[in-house]
PDB file of N, CA and C in Angstrom:
ATOM      1  N   UNK A   1     -36.130 -14.781 -18.342  1.00  0.00           N
ATOM      2  CA  UNK A   1     -35.718 -13.394 -18.328  1.00  0.00           C
ATOM      3  C   UNK A   1     -34.247 -13.326 -17.922  1.00  0.00           C
ATOM      4  N   UNK A   2     -33.455 -12.591 -18.666  1.00  0.00           N
ATOM      5  CA  UNK A   2     -32.033 -12.473 -18.355  1.00  0.00           C
ATOM      6  C   UNK A   2     -31.789 -11.274 -17.453  1.00  0.00           C
ATOM      7  N   UNK A   3     -30.791 -11.409 -16.625  1.00  0.00           N
ATOM      8  CA  UNK A   3     -30.436 -10.313 -15.715  1.00  0.00           C
ATOM      9  C   UNK A   3     -29.752  -9.200 -16.498  1.00  0.00           C
ATOM     10  N   UNK A   4     -29.986  -7.987 -16.065  1.00  0.00           N
ATOM     11  CA  UNK A   4     -29.354  -6.833 -16.709  1.00  0.00           C
ATOM     12  C   UNK A   4     -27.860  -6.838 -16.413  1.00  0.00           C
ATOM     13  N   UNK A   5     -27.092  -6.349 -17.353  1.00  0.00           N
ATOM     14  CA  UNK A   5     -25.649  -6.225 -17.145  1.00  0.00           C
ATOM     15  C   UNK A   5     -25.393  -5.234 -16.016  1.00  0.00           C
ATOM     16  N   UNK A   6     -24.353  -5.463 -15.232  1.00  0.00           N
ATOM     17  CA  UNK A   6     -24.068  -4.542 -14.128  1.00  0.00           C
ATOM     18  C   UNK A   6     -23.710  -3.149 -14.634  1.00  0.00           C
ATOM     19  N   UNK A   7     -24.088  -2.167 -13.858  1.00  0.00           N
ATOM     20  CA  UNK A   7     -23.754  -0.779 -14.161  1.00  0.00           C
ATOM     21  C   UNK A   7     -22.521  -0.411 -13.333  1.00  0.00           C
ATOM     22  N   UNK A   8     -21.417  -0.087 -14.019  1.00  0.00           N
ATOM     23  CA  UNK A   8     -20.181   0.224 -13.312  1.00  0.00           C
ATOM     24  C   UNK A   8     -19.502   1.414 -13.967  1.00  0.00           C
ATOM     25  N   UNK A   9     -18.550   2.002 -13.255  1.00  0.00           N
ATOM     26  CA  UNK A   9     -17.787   3.141 -13.761  1.00  0.00           C
ATOM     27  C   UNK A   9     -16.402   2.674 -14.182  1.00  0.00           C
ATOM     28  N   UNK A  10     -15.802   3.409 -15.112  1.00  0.00           N
ATOM     29  CA  UNK A  10     -14.430   3.148 -15.522  1.00  0.00           C
ATOM     30  C   UNK A  10     -13.521   4.118 -14.765  1.00  0.00           C
ATOM     31  N   UNK A  11     -12.530   3.577 -14.089  1.00  0.00           N
ATOM     32  CA  UNK A  11     -11.554   4.396 -13.381  1.00  0.00           C
ATOM     33  C   UNK A  11     -10.223   4.363 -14.116  1.00  0.00           C
ATOM     34  N   UNK A  12      -9.205   4.939 -13.516  1.00  0.00           N
ATOM     35  CA  UNK A  12      -7.875   4.915 -14.137  1.00  0.00           C
ATOM     36  C   UNK A  12      -6.820   4.549 -13.092  1.00  0.00           C
ATOM     37  N   UNK A  13      -5.566   4.521 -13.529  1.00  0.00           N
ATOM     38  CA  UNK A  13      -4.484   4.089 -12.647  1.00  0.00           C
ATOM     39  C   UNK A  13      -4.229   5.043 -11.484  1.00  0.00           C
ATOM     40  N   UNK A  14      -4.907   6.192 -11.450  1.00  0.00           N
ATOM     41  CA  UNK A  14      -4.790   7.061 -10.273  1.00  0.00           C
ATOM     42  C   UNK A  14      -5.478   6.406  -9.079  1.00  0.00           C
ATOM     43  N   UNK A  15      -6.428   5.518  -9.345  1.00  0.00           N
ATOM     44  CA  UNK A  15      -7.110   4.804  -8.270  1.00  0.00           C
ATOM     45  C   UNK A  15      -6.229   3.662  -7.762  1.00  0.00           C
ATOM     46  N   UNK A  16      -5.805   2.789  -8.661  1.00  0.00           N
ATOM     47  CA  UNK A  16      -4.902   1.701  -8.293  1.00  0.00           C
ATOM     48  C   UNK A  16      -4.100   1.294  -9.522  1.00  0.00           C
ATOM     49  N   UNK A  17      -2.823   1.081  -9.314  1.00  0.00           N
ATOM     50  CA  UNK A  17      -1.922   0.697 -10.404  1.00  0.00           C
ATOM     51  C   UNK A  17      -1.373  -0.692 -10.108  1.00  0.00           C
ATOM     52  N   UNK A  18      -1.438  -1.575 -11.106  1.00  0.00           N
ATOM     53  CA  UNK A  18      -0.904  -2.924 -10.969  1.00  0.00           C
ATOM     54  C   UNK A  18       0.508  -2.930 -11.547  1.00  0.00           C
ATOM     55  N   UNK A  19       1.491  -3.227 -10.717  1.00  0.00           N
ATOM     56  CA  UNK A  19       2.881  -3.265 -11.155  1.00  0.00           C
ATOM     57  C   UNK A  19       3.161  -4.567 -11.917  1.00  0.00           C
ATOM     58  N   UNK A  20       4.215  -4.602 -12.740  1.00  0.00           N
ATOM     59  CA  UNK A  20       4.460  -5.751 -13.628  1.00  0.00           C
ATOM     60  C   UNK A  20       4.497  -7.120 -12.943  1.00  0.00           C
ATOM     61  N   UNK A  21       5.154  -7.253 -11.790  1.00  0.00           N
ATOM     62  CA  UNK A  21       5.206  -8.560 -11.114  1.00  0.00           C
ATOM     63  C   UNK A  21       3.816  -9.035 -10.713  1.00  0.00           C
ATOM     64  N   UNK A  22       2.987  -8.125 -10.211  1.00  0.00           N
ATOM     65  CA  UNK A  22       1.622  -8.480  -9.832  1.00  0.00           C
ATOM     66  C   UNK A  22       0.797  -8.815 -11.067  1.00  0.00           C
ATOM     67  N   UNK A  23       0.977  -8.060 -12.135  1.00  0.00           N
ATOM     68  CA  UNK A  23       0.227  -8.315 -13.371  1.00  0.00           C
ATOM     69  C   UNK A  23       0.539  -9.702 -13.914  1.00  0.00           C
ATOM     70  N   UNK A  24       1.814 -10.059 -13.968  1.00  0.00           N
ATOM     71  CA  UNK A  24       2.196 -11.380 -14.474  1.00  0.00           C
ATOM     72  C   UNK A  24       1.565 -12.494 -13.650  1.00  0.00           C
ATOM     73  N   UNK A  25       1.604 -12.356 -12.331  1.00  0.00           N
ATOM     74  CA  UNK A  25       1.026 -13.381 -11.449  1.00  0.00           C
ATOM     75  C   UNK A  25      -0.491 -13.447 -11.612  1.00  0.00           C
ATOM     76  N   UNK A  26      -1.151 -12.294 -11.648  1.00  0.00           N
ATOM     77  CA  UNK A  26      -2.609 -12.269 -11.770  1.00  0.00           C
ATOM     78  C   UNK A  26      -3.078 -12.808 -13.111  1.00  0.00           C
ATOM     79  N   UNK A  27      -2.409 -12.427 -14.194  1.00  0.00           N
ATOM     80  CA  UNK A  27      -2.802 -12.931 -15.510  1.00  0.00           C
ATOM     81  C   UNK A  27      -2.663 -14.449 -15.565  1.00  0.00           C
ATOM     82  N   UNK A  28      -1.618 -14.990 -14.936  1.00  0.00           N
ATOM     83  CA  UNK A  28      -1.450 -16.441 -14.866  1.00  0.00           C
ATOM     84  C   UNK A  28      -2.553 -17.109 -14.066  1.00  0.00           C
ATOM     85  N   UNK A  29      -2.929 -16.519 -12.929  1.00  0.00           N
ATOM     86  CA  UNK A  29      -4.002 -17.078 -12.101  1.00  0.00           C
ATOM     87  C   UNK A  29      -5.348 -17.017 -12.817  1.00  0.00           C
ATOM     88  N   UNK A  30      -5.626 -15.893 -13.478  1.00  0.00           N
ATOM     89  CA  UNK A  30      -6.886 -15.764 -14.216  1.00  0.00           C
ATOM     90  C   UNK A  30      -6.959 -16.792 -15.344  1.00  0.00           C
ATOM     91  N   UNK A  31      -5.861 -16.988 -16.039  1.00  0.00           N
ATOM     92  CA  UNK A  31      -5.825 -17.974 -17.125  1.00  0.00           C
ATOM     93  C   UNK A  31      -6.038 -19.381 -16.574  1.00  0.00           C
ATOM     94  N   UNK A  32      -5.385 -19.693 -15.466  1.00  0.00           N
ATOM     95  CA  UNK A  32      -5.506 -21.014 -14.840  1.00  0.00           C
ATOM     96  C   UNK A  32      -6.949 -21.306 -14.435  1.00  0.00           C
ATOM     97  N   UNK A  33      -7.684 -20.271 -14.020  1.00  0.00           N
ATOM     98  CA  UNK A  33      -9.078 -20.435 -13.611  1.00  0.00           C
ATOM     99  C   UNK A  33     -10.054 -20.314 -14.779  1.00  0.00           C
ATOM    100  N   UNK A  34      -9.544 -20.126 -15.988  1.00  0.00           N
ATOM    101  CA  UNK A  34     -10.420 -19.987 -17.149  1.00  0.00           C
ATOM    102  C   UNK A  34     -11.120 -18.642 -17.206  1.00  0.00           C
ATOM    103  N   UNK A  35     -10.542 -17.632 -16.593  1.00  0.00           N
ATOM    104  CA  UNK A  35     -11.144 -16.296 -16.542  1.00  0.00           C
ATOM    105  C   UNK A  35     -10.304 -15.263 -17.284  1.00  0.00           C
ATOM    106  N   UNK A  36      -9.447 -15.696 -18.189  1.00  0.00           N
ATOM    107  CA  UNK A  36      -8.518 -14.776 -18.860  1.00  0.00           C
ATOM    108  C   UNK A  36      -9.240 -13.692 -19.652  1.00  0.00           C
ATOM    109  N   UNK A  37     -10.397 -14.001 -20.232  1.00  0.00           N
ATOM    110  CA  UNK A  37     -11.104 -13.033 -21.079  1.00  0.00           C
ATOM    111  C   UNK A  37     -11.816 -11.942 -20.278  1.00  0.00           C
ATOM    112  N   UNK A  38     -12.613 -12.333 -19.298  1.00  0.00           N
ATOM    113  CA  UNK A  38     -13.461 -11.367 -18.590  1.00  0.00           C
ATOM    114  C   UNK A  38     -13.172 -11.262 -17.102  1.00  0.00           C
ATOM    115  N   UNK A  39     -12.256 -12.052 -16.603  1.00  0.00           N
ATOM    116  CA  UNK A  39     -11.994 -12.073 -15.171  1.00  0.00           C
ATOM    117  C   UNK A  39     -11.349 -10.789 -14.676  1.00  0.00           C
ATOM    118  N   UNK A  40     -11.431 -10.603 -13.366  1.00  0.00           N
ATOM    119  CA  UNK A  40     -10.884  -9.393 -12.750  1.00  0.00           C
ATOM    120  C   UNK A  40     -10.446  -9.712 -11.330  1.00  0.00           C
ATOM    121  N   UNK A  41      -9.620  -8.858 -10.799  1.00  0.00           N
ATOM    122  CA  UNK A  41      -9.245  -8.917  -9.395  1.00  0.00           C
ATOM    123  C   UNK A  41     -10.145  -7.954  -8.637  1.00  0.00           C
ATOM    124  N   UNK A  42     -10.872  -8.469  -7.653  1.00  0.00           N
ATOM    125  CA  UNK A  42     -11.667  -7.598  -6.780  1.00  0.00           C
ATOM    126  C   UNK A  42     -10.809  -7.238  -5.574  1.00  0.00           C
ATOM    127  N   UNK A  43     -10.649  -5.940  -5.337  1.00  0.00           N
ATOM    128  CA  UNK A  43      -9.939  -5.436  -4.166  1.00  0.00           C
ATOM    129  C   UNK A  43     -10.964  -4.723  -3.293  1.00  0.00           C
ATOM    130  N   UNK A  44     -11.043  -5.144  -2.039  1.00  0.00           N
ATOM    131  CA  UNK A  44     -11.964  -4.514  -1.094  1.00  0.00           C
ATOM    132  C   UNK A  44     -11.205  -4.196   0.188  1.00  0.00           C
ATOM    133  N   UNK A  45     -11.680  -3.209   0.899  1.00  0.00           N
ATOM    134  CA  UNK A  45     -11.150  -2.871   2.214  1.00  0.00           C
ATOM    135  C   UNK A  45     -12.239  -3.218   3.218  1.00  0.00           C
ATOM    136  N   UNK A  46     -11.890  -4.068   4.180  1.00  0.00           N
ATOM    137  CA  UNK A  46     -12.847  -4.525   5.184  1.00  0.00           C
ATOM    138  C   UNK A  46     -12.263  -4.292   6.572  1.00  0.00           C
ATOM    139  N   UNK A  47     -13.131  -4.269   7.559  1.00  0.00           N
ATOM    140  CA  UNK A  47     -12.674  -4.129   8.933  1.00  0.00           C
ATOM    141  C   UNK A  47     -11.941  -5.378   9.382  1.00  0.00           C
ATOM    142  N   UNK A  48     -10.875  -5.200  10.160  1.00  0.00           N
ATOM    143  CA  UNK A  48     -10.148  -6.351  10.688  1.00  0.00           C
ATOM    144  C   UNK A  48      -8.669  -6.065  10.830  1.00  0.00           C
ATOM    145  N   UNK A  49      -7.959  -7.034  11.335  1.00  0.00           N
ATOM    146  CA  UNK A  49      -6.519  -6.885  11.527  1.00  0.00           C
ATOM    147  C   UNK A  49      -6.219  -6.041  12.748  1.00  0.00           C
ATOM    148  N   UNK A  50      -4.968  -5.984  13.103  1.00  0.00           N
ATOM    149  CA  UNK A  50      -4.591  -5.263  14.326  1.00  0.00           C
ATOM    150  C   UNK A  50      -4.609  -3.748  14.160  1.00  0.00           C
ATOM    151  N   UNK A  51      -4.646  -3.241  12.919  1.00  0.00           N
ATOM    152  CA  UNK A  51      -4.707  -1.790  12.715  1.00  0.00           C
ATOM    153  C   UNK A  51      -6.094  -1.293  12.323  1.00  0.00           C
ATOM    154  N   UNK A  52      -7.059  -2.199  12.191  1.00  0.00           N
ATOM    155  CA  UNK A  52      -8.439  -1.783  11.957  1.00  0.00           C
ATOM    156  C   UNK A  52      -8.997  -2.053  10.578  1.00  0.00           C
ATOM    157  N   UNK A  53      -8.176  -2.002   9.531  1.00  0.00           N
ATOM    158  CA  UNK A  53      -8.635  -2.247   8.165  1.00  0.00           C
ATOM    159  C   UNK A  53      -7.688  -3.230   7.489  1.00  0.00           C
ATOM    160  N   UNK A  54      -8.243  -4.044   6.603  1.00  0.00           N
ATOM    161  CA  UNK A  54      -7.396  -4.953   5.842  1.00  0.00           C
ATOM    162  C   UNK A  54      -7.951  -5.126   4.436  1.00  0.00           C
ATOM    163  N   UNK A  55      -7.100  -5.610   3.557  1.00  0.00           N
ATOM    164  CA  UNK A  55      -7.483  -5.814   2.164  1.00  0.00           C
ATOM    165  C   UNK A  55      -8.048  -7.216   1.996  1.00  0.00           C
ATOM    166  N   UNK A  56      -9.057  -7.310   1.155  1.00  0.00           N
ATOM    167  CA  UNK A  56      -9.599  -8.602   0.755  1.00  0.00           C
ATOM    168  C   UNK A  56      -9.503  -8.641  -0.763  1.00  0.00           C
ATOM    169  N   UNK A  57      -8.884  -9.684  -1.306  1.00  0.00           N
ATOM    170  CA  UNK A  57      -8.721  -9.801  -2.754  1.00  0.00           C
ATOM    171  C   UNK A  57      -9.267 -11.140  -3.214  1.00  0.00           C
ATOM    172  N   UNK A  58     -10.041 -11.095  -4.306  1.00  0.00           N
ATOM    173  CA  UNK A  58     -10.609 -12.297  -4.899  1.00  0.00           C
ATOM    174  C   UNK A  58     -10.579 -12.162  -6.407  1.00  0.00           C
ATOM    175  N   UNK A  59     -10.464 -13.279  -7.100  1.00  0.00           N
ATOM    176  CA  UNK A  59     -10.628 -13.285  -8.547  1.00  0.00           C
ATOM    177  C   UNK A  59     -12.107 -13.484  -8.834  1.00  0.00           C
ATOM    178  N   UNK A  60     -12.664 -12.623  -9.676  1.00  0.00           N
ATOM    179  CA  UNK A  60     -14.099 -12.640  -9.966  1.00  0.00           C
ATOM    180  C   UNK A  60     -14.321 -12.616 -11.476  1.00  0.00           C
ATOM    181  N   UNK A  61     -15.579 -12.833 -11.872  1.00  0.00           N
ATOM    182  CA  UNK A  61     -15.916 -12.878 -13.294  1.00  0.00           C
ATOM    183  C   UNK A  61     -16.058 -11.509 -13.936  1.00  0.00           C
ATOM    184  N   UNK A  62     -16.081 -10.459 -13.166  1.00  0.00           N
ATOM    185  CA  UNK A  62     -16.196  -9.112 -13.717  1.00  0.00           C
ATOM    186  C   UNK A  62     -16.800  -8.178 -12.690  1.00  0.00           C
ATOM    187  N   UNK A  63     -17.091  -6.953 -13.098  1.00  0.00           N
ATOM    188  CA  UNK A  63     -17.613  -5.967 -12.146  1.00  0.00           C
ATOM    189  C   UNK A  63     -19.055  -6.248 -11.740  1.00  0.00           C
ATOM    190  N   UNK A  64     -19.410  -5.787 -10.553  1.00  0.00           N
ATOM    191  CA  UNK A  64     -20.781  -5.825 -10.054  1.00  0.00           C
ATOM    192  C   UNK A  64     -21.348  -4.410 -10.149  1.00  0.00           C
ATOM    193  N   UNK A  65     -22.635  -4.279  -9.863  1.00  0.00           N
ATOM    194  CA  UNK A  65     -23.262  -2.956  -9.882  1.00  0.00           C
ATOM    195  C   UNK A  65     -22.504  -1.992  -8.983  1.00  0.00           C
ATOM    196  N   UNK A  66     -22.312  -0.782  -9.484  1.00  0.00           N
ATOM    197  CA  UNK A  66     -21.702   0.338  -8.783  1.00  0.00           C
ATOM    198  C   UNK A  66     -20.191   0.219  -8.616  1.00  0.00           C
ATOM    199  N   UNK A  67     -19.578  -0.866  -9.084  1.00  0.00           N
ATOM    200  CA  UNK A  67     -18.122  -1.000  -8.999  1.00  0.00           C
ATOM    201  C   UNK A  67     -17.422   0.042  -9.858  1.00  0.00           C
ATOM    202  N   UNK A  68     -16.163   0.239  -9.566  1.00  0.00           N
ATOM    203  CA  UNK A  68     -15.264   1.023 -10.411  1.00  0.00           C
ATOM    204  C   UNK A  68     -14.270   0.021 -10.987  1.00  0.00           C
ATOM    205  N   UNK A  69     -14.110   0.022 -12.310  1.00  0.00           N
ATOM    206  CA  UNK A  69     -13.191  -0.916 -12.946  1.00  0.00           C
ATOM    207  C   UNK A  69     -12.011  -0.163 -13.537  1.00  0.00           C
ATOM    208  N   UNK A  70     -10.820  -0.611 -13.184  1.00  0.00           N
ATOM    209  CA  UNK A  70      -9.572  -0.032 -13.675  1.00  0.00           C
ATOM    210  C   UNK A  70      -8.835  -1.126 -14.445  1.00  0.00           C
ATOM    211  N   UNK A  71      -8.315  -0.793 -15.613  1.00  0.00           N
ATOM    212  CA  UNK A  71      -7.432  -1.712 -16.324  1.00  0.00           C
ATOM    213  C   UNK A  71      -6.021  -1.156 -16.213  1.00  0.00           C
ATOM    214  N   UNK A  72      -5.146  -1.961 -15.628  1.00  0.00           N
ATOM    215  CA  UNK A  72      -3.759  -1.550 -15.402  1.00  0.00           C
ATOM    216  C   UNK A  72      -2.857  -2.734 -15.717  1.00  0.00           C
ATOM    217  N   UNK A  73      -1.876  -2.531 -16.573  1.00  0.00           N
ATOM    218  CA  UNK A  73      -0.960  -3.605 -16.978  1.00  0.00           C
ATOM    219  C   UNK A  73      -1.728  -4.828 -17.477  1.00  0.00           C
ATOM    220  N   UNK A  74      -2.792  -4.583 -18.235  1.00  0.00           N
ATOM    221  CA  UNK A  74      -3.647  -5.614 -18.836  1.00  0.00           C
ATOM    222  C   UNK A  74      -4.509  -6.368 -17.831  1.00  0.00           C
ATOM    223  N   UNK A  75      -4.499  -5.977 -16.564  1.00  0.00           N
ATOM    224  CA  UNK A  75      -5.305  -6.622 -15.534  1.00  0.00           C
ATOM    225  C   UNK A  75      -6.492  -5.723 -15.212  1.00  0.00           C
ATOM    226  N   UNK A  76      -7.688  -6.328 -15.173  1.00  0.00           N
ATOM    227  CA  UNK A  76      -8.880  -5.596 -14.744  1.00  0.00           C
ATOM    228  C   UNK A  76      -8.994  -5.709 -13.224  1.00  0.00           C
ATOM    229  N   UNK A  77      -9.155  -4.566 -12.569  1.00  0.00           N
ATOM    230  CA  UNK A  77      -9.325  -4.508 -11.119  1.00  0.00           C
ATOM    231  C   UNK A  77     -10.674  -3.864 -10.855  1.00  0.00           C
ATOM    232  N   UNK A  78     -11.498  -4.507 -10.026  1.00  0.00           N
ATOM    233  CA  UNK A  78     -12.795  -3.932  -9.670  1.00  0.00           C
ATOM    234  C   UNK A  78     -12.803  -3.612  -8.179  1.00  0.00           C
ATOM    235  N   UNK A  79     -13.357  -2.445  -7.871  1.00  0.00           N
ATOM    236  CA  UNK A  79     -13.358  -1.937  -6.500  1.00  0.00           C
ATOM    237  C   UNK A  79     -14.723  -1.320  -6.230  1.00  0.00           C
ATOM    238  N   UNK A  80     -15.302  -1.629  -5.073  1.00  0.00           N
ATOM    239  CA  UNK A  80     -16.562  -0.983  -4.708  1.00  0.00           C
ATOM    240  C   UNK A  80     -16.272   0.467  -4.314  1.00  0.00           C
ATOM    241  N   UNK A  81     -17.272   1.354  -4.450  1.00  0.00           N
ATOM    242  CA  UNK A  81     -17.030   2.786  -4.191  1.00  0.00           C
ATOM    243  C   UNK A  81     -16.504   3.095  -2.787  1.00  0.00           C
ATOM    244  N   UNK A  82     -16.964   2.367  -1.778  1.00  0.00           N
ATOM    245  CA  UNK A  82     -16.503   2.624  -0.411  1.00  0.00           C
ATOM    246  C   UNK A  82     -15.018   2.273  -0.267  1.00  0.00           C
ATOM    247  N   UNK A  83     -14.608   1.134  -0.804  1.00  0.00           N
ATOM    248  CA  UNK A  83     -13.198   0.733  -0.736  1.00  0.00           C
ATOM    249  C   UNK A  83     -12.318   1.675  -1.537  1.00  0.00           C
ATOM    250  N   UNK A  84     -12.864   2.233  -2.620  1.00  0.00           N
ATOM    251  CA  UNK A  84     -12.088   3.144  -3.469  1.00  0.00           C
ATOM    252  C   UNK A  84     -11.597   4.351  -2.676  1.00  0.00           C
ATOM    253  N   UNK A  85     -12.360   4.768  -1.678  1.00  0.00           N
ATOM    254  CA  UNK A  85     -11.945   5.900  -0.845  1.00  0.00           C
ATOM    255  C   UNK A  85     -10.640   5.603  -0.107  1.00  0.00           C
ATOM    256  N   UNK A  86     -10.411   4.337   0.235  1.00  0.00           N
ATOM    257  CA  UNK A  86      -9.232   3.949   1.005  1.00  0.00           C
ATOM    258  C   UNK A  86      -8.032   3.588   0.135  1.00  0.00           C
ATOM    259  N   UNK A  87      -8.259   3.168  -1.123  1.00  0.00           N
ATOM    260  CA  UNK A  87      -7.137   2.677  -1.936  1.00  0.00           C
ATOM    261  C   UNK A  87      -6.655   3.663  -2.989  1.00  0.00           C
ATOM    262  N   UNK A  88      -7.274   4.803  -3.099  1.00  0.00           N
ATOM    263  CA  UNK A  88      -6.904   5.765  -4.140  1.00  0.00           C
ATOM    264  C   UNK A  88      -5.409   6.077  -4.110  1.00  0.00           C
ATOM    265  N   UNK A  89      -4.753   5.905  -5.258  1.00  0.00           N
ATOM    266  CA  UNK A  89      -3.326   6.173  -5.366  1.00  0.00           C
ATOM    267  C   UNK A  89      -2.439   4.987  -5.025  1.00  0.00           C
ATOM    268  N   UNK A  90      -3.036   3.834  -4.758  1.00  0.00           N
ATOM    269  CA  UNK A  90      -2.267   2.657  -4.349  1.00  0.00           C
ATOM    270  C   UNK A  90      -1.617   1.943  -5.526  1.00  0.00           C
ATOM    271  N   UNK A  91      -0.608   1.150  -5.206  1.00  0.00           N
ATOM    272  CA  UNK A  91       0.053   0.278  -6.171  1.00  0.00           C
ATOM    273  C   UNK A  91       0.000  -1.149  -5.640  1.00  0.00           C
ATOM    274  N   UNK A  92      -0.290  -2.085  -6.539  1.00  0.00           N
ATOM    275  CA  UNK A  92      -0.326  -3.498  -6.181  1.00  0.00           C
ATOM    276  C   UNK A  92       0.909  -4.170  -6.757  1.00  0.00           C
ATOM    277  N   UNK A  93       1.684  -4.824  -5.898  1.00  0.00           N
ATOM    278  CA  UNK A  93       2.897  -5.508  -6.333  1.00  0.00           C
ATOM    279  C   UNK A  93       2.829  -6.960  -5.875  1.00  0.00           C
ATOM    280  N   UNK A  94       3.756  -7.760  -6.370  1.00  0.00           N
ATOM    281  CA  UNK A  94       3.831  -9.173  -5.996  1.00  0.00           C
ATOM    282  C   UNK A  94       5.293  -9.568  -5.844  1.00  0.00           C
ATOM    283  N   UNK A  95       5.555 -10.388  -4.842  1.00  0.00           N
ATOM    284  CA  UNK A  95       6.894 -10.931  -4.635  1.00  0.00           C
ATOM    285  C   UNK A  95       6.759 -12.413  -4.326  1.00  0.00           C
ATOM    286  N   UNK A  96       7.663 -13.217  -4.866  1.00  0.00           N
ATOM    287  CA  UNK A  96       7.647 -14.647  -4.542  1.00  0.00           C
ATOM    288  C   UNK A  96       8.717 -14.992  -3.507  1.00  0.00           C
ATOM    289  N   UNK A  97       9.130 -13.987  -2.745  1.00  0.00           N
ATOM    290  CA  UNK A  97      10.091 -14.174  -1.664  1.00  0.00           C
ATOM    291  C   UNK A  97       9.536 -15.180  -0.649  1.00  0.00           C
ATOM    292  N   UNK A  98      10.378 -16.073  -0.165  1.00  0.00           N
ATOM    293  CA  UNK A  98       9.936 -17.129   0.745  1.00  0.00           C
ATOM    294  C   UNK A  98       9.373 -16.563   2.046  1.00  0.00           C
ATOM    295  N   UNK A  99      10.003 -15.561   2.619  1.00  0.00           N
ATOM    296  CA  UNK A  99       9.574 -15.051   3.918  1.00  0.00           C
ATOM    297  C   UNK A  99       8.454 -14.023   3.844  1.00  0.00           C
ATOM    298  N   UNK A 100       8.513 -13.120   2.883  1.00  0.00           N
ATOM    299  CA  UNK A 100       7.513 -12.047   2.852  1.00  0.00           C
ATOM    300  C   UNK A 100       6.837 -11.952   1.485  1.00  0.00           C
ATOM    301  N   UNK A 101       6.677 -13.094   0.823  1.00  0.00           N
ATOM    302  CA  UNK A 101       6.094 -13.096  -0.514  1.00  0.00           C
ATOM    303  C   UNK A 101       4.589 -12.914  -0.512  1.00  0.00           C
ATOM    304  N   UNK A 102       4.055 -12.681  -1.702  1.00  0.00           N
ATOM    305  CA  UNK A 102       2.623 -12.518  -1.888  1.00  0.00           C
ATOM    306  C   UNK A 102       2.313 -11.158  -2.476  1.00  0.00           C
ATOM    307  N   UNK A 103       1.031 -10.866  -2.564  1.00  0.00           N
ATOM    308  CA  UNK A 103       0.592  -9.571  -3.072  1.00  0.00           C
ATOM    309  C   UNK A 103       0.705  -8.536  -1.965  1.00  0.00           C
ATOM    310  N   UNK A 104       1.188  -7.365  -2.318  1.00  0.00           N
ATOM    311  CA  UNK A 104       1.351  -6.266  -1.361  1.00  0.00           C
ATOM    312  C   UNK A 104       0.744  -5.000  -1.949  1.00  0.00           C
ATOM    313  N   UNK A 105       0.006  -4.279  -1.136  1.00  0.00           N
ATOM    314  CA  UNK A 105      -0.570  -3.002  -1.544  1.00  0.00           C
ATOM    315  C   UNK A 105       0.269  -1.892  -0.932  1.00  0.00           C
ATOM    316  N   UNK A 106       0.799  -1.030  -1.778  1.00  0.00           N
ATOM    317  CA  UNK A 106       1.513   0.169  -1.317  1.00  0.00           C
ATOM    318  C   UNK A 106       0.491   1.296  -1.340  1.00  0.00           C
ATOM    319  N   UNK A 107       0.010   1.679  -0.163  1.00  0.00           N
ATOM    320  CA  UNK A 107      -1.111   2.603  -0.049  1.00  0.00           C
ATOM    321  C   UNK A 107      -0.667   3.926   0.584  1.00  0.00           C
ATOM    322  N   UNK A 108      -0.719   5.029  -0.174  1.00  0.00           N
ATOM    323  CA  UNK A 108      -0.314   6.318   0.387  1.00  0.00           C
ATOM    324  C   UNK A 108      -1.289   6.855   1.432  1.00  0.00           C
ATOM    325  N   UNK A 109      -2.484   6.259   1.527  1.00  0.00           N
ATOM    326  CA  UNK A 109      -3.488   6.706   2.493  1.00  0.00           C
ATOM    327  C   UNK A 109      -3.332   6.033   3.852  1.00  0.00           C
ATOM    328  N   UNK A 110      -2.497   5.014   3.936  1.00  0.00           N
ATOM    329  CA  UNK A 110      -2.322   4.282   5.190  1.00  0.00           C
ATOM    330  C   UNK A 110      -1.509   5.132   6.163  1.00  0.00           C
ATOM    331  N   UNK A 111      -2.142   5.543   7.245  1.00  0.00           N
ATOM    332  CA  UNK A 111      -1.477   6.350   8.265  1.00  0.00           C
ATOM    333  C   UNK A 111      -0.622   5.457   9.153  1.00  0.00           C
ATOM    334  N   UNK A 112      -1.162   4.296   9.497  1.00  0.00           N
ATOM    335  CA  UNK A 112      -0.479   3.329  10.340  1.00  0.00           C
ATOM    336  C   UNK A 112      -0.624   1.963   9.688  1.00  0.00           C
ATOM    337  N   UNK A 113       0.453   1.189   9.654  1.00  0.00           N
ATOM    338  CA  UNK A 113       0.375  -0.203   9.218  1.00  0.00           C
ATOM    339  C   UNK A 113       0.902  -1.074  10.341  1.00  0.00           C
ATOM    340  N   UNK A 114       0.362  -2.279  10.439  1.00  0.00           N
ATOM    341  CA  UNK A 114       0.840  -3.165  11.495  1.00  0.00           C
ATOM    342  C   UNK A 114       2.173  -3.776  11.083  1.00  0.00           C
ATOM    343  N   UNK A 115       2.871  -4.325  12.023  1.00  0.00           N
ATOM    344  CA  UNK A 115       4.212  -4.854  11.755  1.00  0.00           C
ATOM    345  C   UNK A 115       4.205  -6.023  10.783  1.00  0.00           C
ATOM    346  N   UNK A 116       3.099  -6.770  10.715  1.00  0.00           N
ATOM    347  CA  UNK A 116       3.047  -7.902   9.792  1.00  0.00           C
ATOM    348  C   UNK A 116       2.672  -7.456   8.380  1.00  0.00           C
ATOM    349  N   UNK A 117       2.224  -6.208   8.224  1.00  0.00           N
ATOM    350  CA  UNK A 117       1.884  -5.690   6.906  1.00  0.00           C
ATOM    351  C   UNK A 117       0.532  -6.122   6.392  1.00  0.00           C
ATOM    352  N   UNK A 118      -0.277  -6.759   7.228  1.00  0.00           N
ATOM    353  CA  UNK A 118      -1.567  -7.276   6.786  1.00  0.00           C
ATOM    354  C   UNK A 118      -2.722  -6.303   6.990  1.00  0.00           C
ATOM    355  N   UNK A 119      -2.553  -5.279   7.809  1.00  0.00           N
ATOM    356  CA  UNK A 119      -3.648  -4.342   8.035  1.00  0.00           C
ATOM    357  C   UNK A 119      -3.110  -2.923   8.162  1.00  0.00           C
ATOM    358  N   UNK A 120      -4.054  -1.964   8.131  1.00  0.00           N
ATOM    359  CA  UNK A 120      -3.666  -0.554   8.172  1.00  0.00           C
ATOM    360  C   UNK A 120      -4.806   0.267   8.743  1.00  0.00           C
ATOM    361  N   UNK A 121      -4.516   1.520   9.038  1.00  0.00           N
ATOM    362  CA  UNK A 121      -5.561   2.485   9.373  1.00  0.00           C
ATOM    363  C   UNK A 121      -5.331   3.711   8.510  1.00  0.00           C
ATOM    364  N   UNK A 122      -6.428   4.380   8.192  1.00  0.00           N
ATOM    365  CA  UNK A 122      -6.341   5.546   7.303  1.00  0.00           C
ATOM    366  C   UNK A 122      -6.889   6.772   7.990  1.00  0.00           C
TER     367      UNK A 122
END
């Protein structure tokens, strides 16, 4: 017996927008992992960090049940409904700067961010 396909919703860039630098990096990573066709970036908000909430990002094979999937700059992003409440209106960028490089979320809902930029409160 085969498992049923996951039931998910389609969202738009009002939820999260992937900027060109992040898209280029993510598409390269997905291709390197053999996930270029169906792979996605999972963005979740979890408890932790010095400000109370932090982002967790993973490359996955696609959406799970109840996820919201957004396609932005050719990148599929999947977000669970609870995390979507915290990231609505965010932009995902990437920098290869030696000191502060990596993926960065610009979140208009973040009331406080810690000095290291790794966590926030909403």
